[in-house]
Amino acid sequence: MLSKNSVFVGLIAGLVLPAIAWLLFTVVYPGVVFLNKPALPYLVAIGLNLLLVKLCYKKGTDDTGRGIMLMSFVCIVLLIIFKIRIT
């Protein structure tokens, strides 16, 4: 059903790091701000996702890399909507 090279596996893998960042900084340590930037931990998690994409493309698992990249873009849009609040 699930192969190592599928978009669904990439979507799940791309959700892991942003979910950990959300869990840490919303549930465990609420109100913690780094360098007066409330979105910094989430941006670091998304940056690490992009390193995972690079690794996937080097290994030849393109579909997994596409899934991780898609989830990273979704997380960035959600971050802009809920954390940064551009006015």
N, C-alpha and C. Protein backbone atom coordinates (compact mmCIF):
# COMPACT_ATOMS: atom_id res chain seq x y z
N MET A 1 0.81 -1.19 0.00
CA MET A 1 0.00 0.00 0.00
C MET A 1 0.86 1.25 0.00
N LEU A 2 1.77 1.38 0.96
CA LEU A 2 2.64 2.54 1.01
C LEU A 2 4.05 2.15 0.60
N SER A 3 4.57 2.83 -0.37
CA SER A 3 5.97 2.60 -0.73
C SER A 3 6.80 3.74 -0.17
N LYS A 4 8.09 3.58 -0.17
CA LYS A 4 8.95 4.64 0.35
C LYS A 4 8.91 5.87 -0.55
N ASN A 5 8.59 5.70 -1.80
CA ASN A 5 8.57 6.80 -2.75
C ASN A 5 7.13 7.11 -3.14
N SER A 6 6.40 7.75 -2.24
CA SER A 6 5.04 8.16 -2.56
C SER A 6 4.79 9.54 -1.98
N VAL A 7 3.86 10.25 -2.58
CA VAL A 7 3.54 11.60 -2.14
C VAL A 7 2.94 11.56 -0.73
N PHE A 8 2.13 10.54 -0.43
CA PHE A 8 1.51 10.45 0.88
C PHE A 8 2.56 10.32 1.99
N VAL A 9 3.58 9.51 1.77
CA VAL A 9 4.67 9.39 2.75
C VAL A 9 5.39 10.72 2.89
N GLY A 10 5.57 11.45 1.81
CA GLY A 10 6.17 12.77 1.87
C GLY A 10 5.33 13.77 2.64
N LEU A 11 4.01 13.70 2.48
CA LEU A 11 3.13 14.59 3.23
C LEU A 11 3.23 14.33 4.72
N ILE A 12 3.27 13.06 5.10
CA ILE A 12 3.39 12.72 6.52
C ILE A 12 4.77 13.13 7.04
N ALA A 13 5.83 12.87 6.29
CA ALA A 13 7.18 13.24 6.71
C ALA A 13 7.35 14.75 6.78
N GLY A 14 6.69 15.47 5.88
CA GLY A 14 6.77 16.93 5.89
C GLY A 14 5.99 17.57 7.01
N LEU A 15 5.10 16.84 7.63
CA LEU A 15 4.31 17.36 8.73
C LEU A 15 4.99 17.16 10.08
N VAL A 16 5.95 16.27 10.15
CA VAL A 16 6.56 15.89 11.44
C VAL A 16 7.27 17.06 12.11
N LEU A 17 8.21 17.71 11.44
CA LEU A 17 8.99 18.78 12.07
C LEU A 17 8.15 20.01 12.42
N PRO A 18 7.27 20.50 11.54
CA PRO A 18 6.41 21.61 11.96
C PRO A 18 5.46 21.23 13.10
N ALA A 19 5.00 19.99 13.13
CA ALA A 19 4.13 19.56 14.22
C ALA A 19 4.89 19.52 15.55
N ILE A 20 6.13 19.08 15.52
CA ILE A 20 6.95 19.08 16.74
C ILE A 20 7.18 20.51 17.20
N ALA A 21 7.48 21.42 16.27
CA ALA A 21 7.69 22.82 16.64
C ALA A 21 6.41 23.42 17.22
N TRP A 22 5.26 23.10 16.63
CA TRP A 22 4.00 23.62 17.16
C TRP A 22 3.73 23.06 18.55
N LEU A 23 3.97 21.76 18.72
CA LEU A 23 3.73 21.13 20.01
C LEU A 23 4.62 21.72 21.09
N LEU A 24 5.88 21.93 20.77
CA LEU A 24 6.82 22.50 21.75
C LEU A 24 6.46 23.92 22.14
N PHE A 25 6.19 24.76 21.17
CA PHE A 25 6.06 26.18 21.44
C PHE A 25 4.62 26.65 21.65
N THR A 26 3.65 25.76 21.51
CA THR A 26 2.27 26.13 21.83
C THR A 26 1.78 25.41 23.08
N VAL A 27 2.18 24.16 23.24
CA VAL A 27 1.68 23.37 24.36
C VAL A 27 2.68 23.34 25.52
N VAL A 28 3.94 23.02 25.23
CA VAL A 28 4.94 22.83 26.29
C VAL A 28 5.48 24.16 26.80
N TYR A 29 5.89 25.04 25.89
CA TYR A 29 6.46 26.34 26.26
C TYR A 29 5.64 27.48 25.66
N PRO A 30 4.43 27.72 26.13
CA PRO A 30 3.64 28.81 25.54
C PRO A 30 4.22 30.18 25.91
N GLY A 31 4.20 31.07 24.96
CA GLY A 31 4.66 32.43 25.21
C GLY A 31 6.15 32.64 25.03
N VAL A 32 6.92 31.61 24.71
CA VAL A 32 8.36 31.77 24.51
C VAL A 32 8.59 32.39 23.14
N VAL A 33 9.38 33.45 23.11
CA VAL A 33 9.68 34.15 21.86
C VAL A 33 11.19 34.23 21.72
N PHE A 34 11.71 33.83 20.55
CA PHE A 34 13.13 33.89 20.28
C PHE A 34 13.45 35.14 19.47
N LEU A 35 14.35 35.95 19.99
CA LEU A 35 14.82 37.14 19.29
C LEU A 35 13.66 38.04 18.87
N ASN A 36 12.62 38.09 19.68
CA ASN A 36 11.44 38.90 19.42
C ASN A 36 10.75 38.53 18.10
N LYS A 37 10.90 37.28 17.69
CA LYS A 37 10.28 36.76 16.47
C LYS A 37 9.45 35.53 16.84
N PRO A 38 8.14 35.64 16.94
CA PRO A 38 7.33 34.50 17.38
C PRO A 38 7.26 33.35 16.38
N ALA A 39 7.58 33.60 15.12
CA ALA A 39 7.47 32.56 14.10
C ALA A 39 8.81 31.87 13.81
N LEU A 40 9.87 32.26 14.49
CA LEU A 40 11.20 31.73 14.19
C LEU A 40 11.31 30.21 14.34
N PRO A 41 10.79 29.57 15.39
CA PRO A 41 10.92 28.11 15.48
C PRO A 41 10.22 27.38 14.34
N TYR A 42 9.11 27.91 13.90
CA TYR A 42 8.37 27.28 12.80
C TYR A 42 9.13 27.43 11.48
N LEU A 43 9.74 28.58 11.28
CA LEU A 43 10.53 28.78 10.06
C LEU A 43 11.75 27.89 10.04
N VAL A 44 12.36 27.64 11.19
CA VAL A 44 13.50 26.72 11.26
C VAL A 44 13.04 25.30 10.92
N ALA A 45 11.88 24.89 11.44
CA ALA A 45 11.35 23.56 11.14
C ALA A 45 11.06 23.40 9.65
N ILE A 46 10.53 24.44 9.03
CA ILE A 46 10.24 24.38 7.60
C ILE A 46 11.55 24.37 6.80
N GLY A 47 12.56 25.10 7.27
CA GLY A 47 13.87 25.05 6.62
C GLY A 47 14.48 23.66 6.69
N LEU A 48 14.32 22.99 7.81
CA LEU A 48 14.79 21.61 7.92
C LEU A 48 14.03 20.69 6.99
N ASN A 49 12.74 20.97 6.78
CA ASN A 49 11.97 20.21 5.80
C ASN A 49 12.58 20.34 4.41
N LEU A 50 13.03 21.53 4.08
CA LEU A 50 13.62 21.73 2.74
C LEU A 50 14.94 20.98 2.61
N LEU A 51 15.66 20.79 3.71
CA LEU A 51 16.85 19.93 3.67
C LEU A 51 16.45 18.47 3.43
N LEU A 52 15.33 18.06 4.00
CA LEU A 52 14.82 16.71 3.72
C LEU A 52 14.45 16.54 2.25
N VAL A 53 13.91 17.59 1.66
CA VAL A 53 13.58 17.54 0.23
C VAL A 53 14.84 17.33 -0.59
N LYS A 54 15.88 18.06 -0.25
CA LYS A 54 17.16 17.91 -0.97
C LYS A 54 17.68 16.49 -0.85
N LEU A 55 17.58 15.90 0.35
CA LEU A 55 18.02 14.53 0.55
C LEU A 55 17.20 13.56 -0.27
N CYS A 56 15.90 13.77 -0.34
CA CYS A 56 15.02 12.89 -1.11
C CYS A 56 15.36 12.94 -2.59
N TYR A 57 15.63 14.12 -3.11
CA TYR A 57 15.97 14.22 -4.53
C TYR A 57 17.33 13.61 -4.82
N LYS A 58 18.25 13.67 -3.88
CA LYS A 58 19.55 13.02 -4.08
C LYS A 58 19.41 11.50 -4.11
N LYS A 59 18.51 10.95 -3.28
CA LYS A 59 18.30 9.51 -3.22
C LYS A 59 17.46 8.99 -4.37
N GLY A 60 16.79 9.88 -5.08
CA GLY A 60 15.96 9.46 -6.20
C GLY A 60 14.51 9.21 -5.83
N THR A 61 14.11 9.59 -4.62
CA THR A 61 12.71 9.44 -4.22
C THR A 61 12.00 10.77 -4.44
N ASP A 62 11.73 11.04 -5.71
CA ASP A 62 11.18 12.32 -6.12
C ASP A 62 9.76 12.55 -5.59
N ASP A 63 8.93 11.52 -5.59
CA ASP A 63 7.55 11.70 -5.12
C ASP A 63 7.51 12.05 -3.64
N THR A 64 8.36 11.44 -2.84
CA THR A 64 8.42 11.77 -1.42
C THR A 64 8.88 13.21 -1.24
N GLY A 65 9.86 13.63 -2.01
CA GLY A 65 10.33 15.01 -1.96
C GLY A 65 9.23 15.99 -2.33
N ARG A 66 8.41 15.64 -3.32
CA ARG A 66 7.29 16.50 -3.71
C ARG A 66 6.27 16.62 -2.58
N GLY A 67 6.02 15.52 -1.88
CA GLY A 67 5.08 15.56 -0.76
C GLY A 67 5.59 16.42 0.38
N ILE A 68 6.88 16.32 0.69
CA ILE A 68 7.47 17.14 1.75
C ILE A 68 7.41 18.61 1.36
N MET A 69 7.70 18.92 0.10
CA MET A 69 7.68 20.30 -0.35
C MET A 69 6.25 20.86 -0.32
N LEU A 70 5.28 20.06 -0.71
CA LEU A 70 3.89 20.50 -0.66
C LEU A 70 3.47 20.80 0.77
N MET A 71 3.83 19.93 1.70
CA MET A 71 3.47 20.17 3.10
C MET A 71 4.21 21.37 3.66
N SER A 72 5.43 21.62 3.22
CA SER A 72 6.16 22.81 3.66
C SER A 72 5.46 24.08 3.21
N PHE A 73 4.98 24.10 1.97
CA PHE A 73 4.26 25.28 1.48
C PHE A 73 2.94 25.47 2.22
N VAL A 74 2.25 24.39 2.51
CA VAL A 74 1.01 24.49 3.29
C VAL A 74 1.30 25.06 4.67
N CYS A 75 2.37 24.58 5.30
CA CYS A 75 2.74 25.08 6.63
C CYS A 75 3.14 26.56 6.58
N ILE A 76 3.80 26.98 5.53
CA ILE A 76 4.17 28.39 5.40
C ILE A 76 2.92 29.26 5.27
N VAL A 77 1.96 28.82 4.48
CA VAL A 77 0.72 29.59 4.32
C VAL A 77 -0.01 29.67 5.65
N LEU A 78 -0.10 28.55 6.37
CA LEU A 78 -0.76 28.56 7.68
C LEU A 78 -0.01 29.44 8.67
N LEU A 79 1.31 29.44 8.60
CA LEU A 79 2.12 30.28 9.47
C LEU A 79 1.84 31.76 9.20
N ILE A 80 1.75 32.11 7.95
CA ILE A 80 1.47 33.51 7.59
C ILE A 80 0.07 33.90 8.06
N ILE A 81 -0.88 33.01 7.91
CA ILE A 81 -2.26 33.33 8.29
C ILE A 81 -2.40 33.46 9.81
N PHE A 82 -1.84 32.49 10.56
CA PHE A 82 -2.11 32.45 11.99
C PHE A 82 -1.06 33.09 12.89
N LYS A 83 0.21 33.13 12.47
CA LYS A 83 1.26 33.64 13.36
C LYS A 83 1.72 35.05 12.99
N ILE A 84 1.99 35.29 11.73
CA ILE A 84 2.59 36.54 11.33
C ILE A 84 1.53 37.64 11.18
N ARG A 85 0.36 37.32 10.66
CA ARG A 85 -0.76 38.26 10.51
C ARG A 85 -0.37 39.54 9.83
N ILE A 86 -0.10 39.45 8.56
CA ILE A 86 0.26 40.62 7.77
C ILE A 86 -0.97 41.51 7.64
N THR A 87 -0.80 42.79 7.97
CA THR A 87 -1.94 43.71 7.90
C THR A 87 -1.73 44.74 6.82
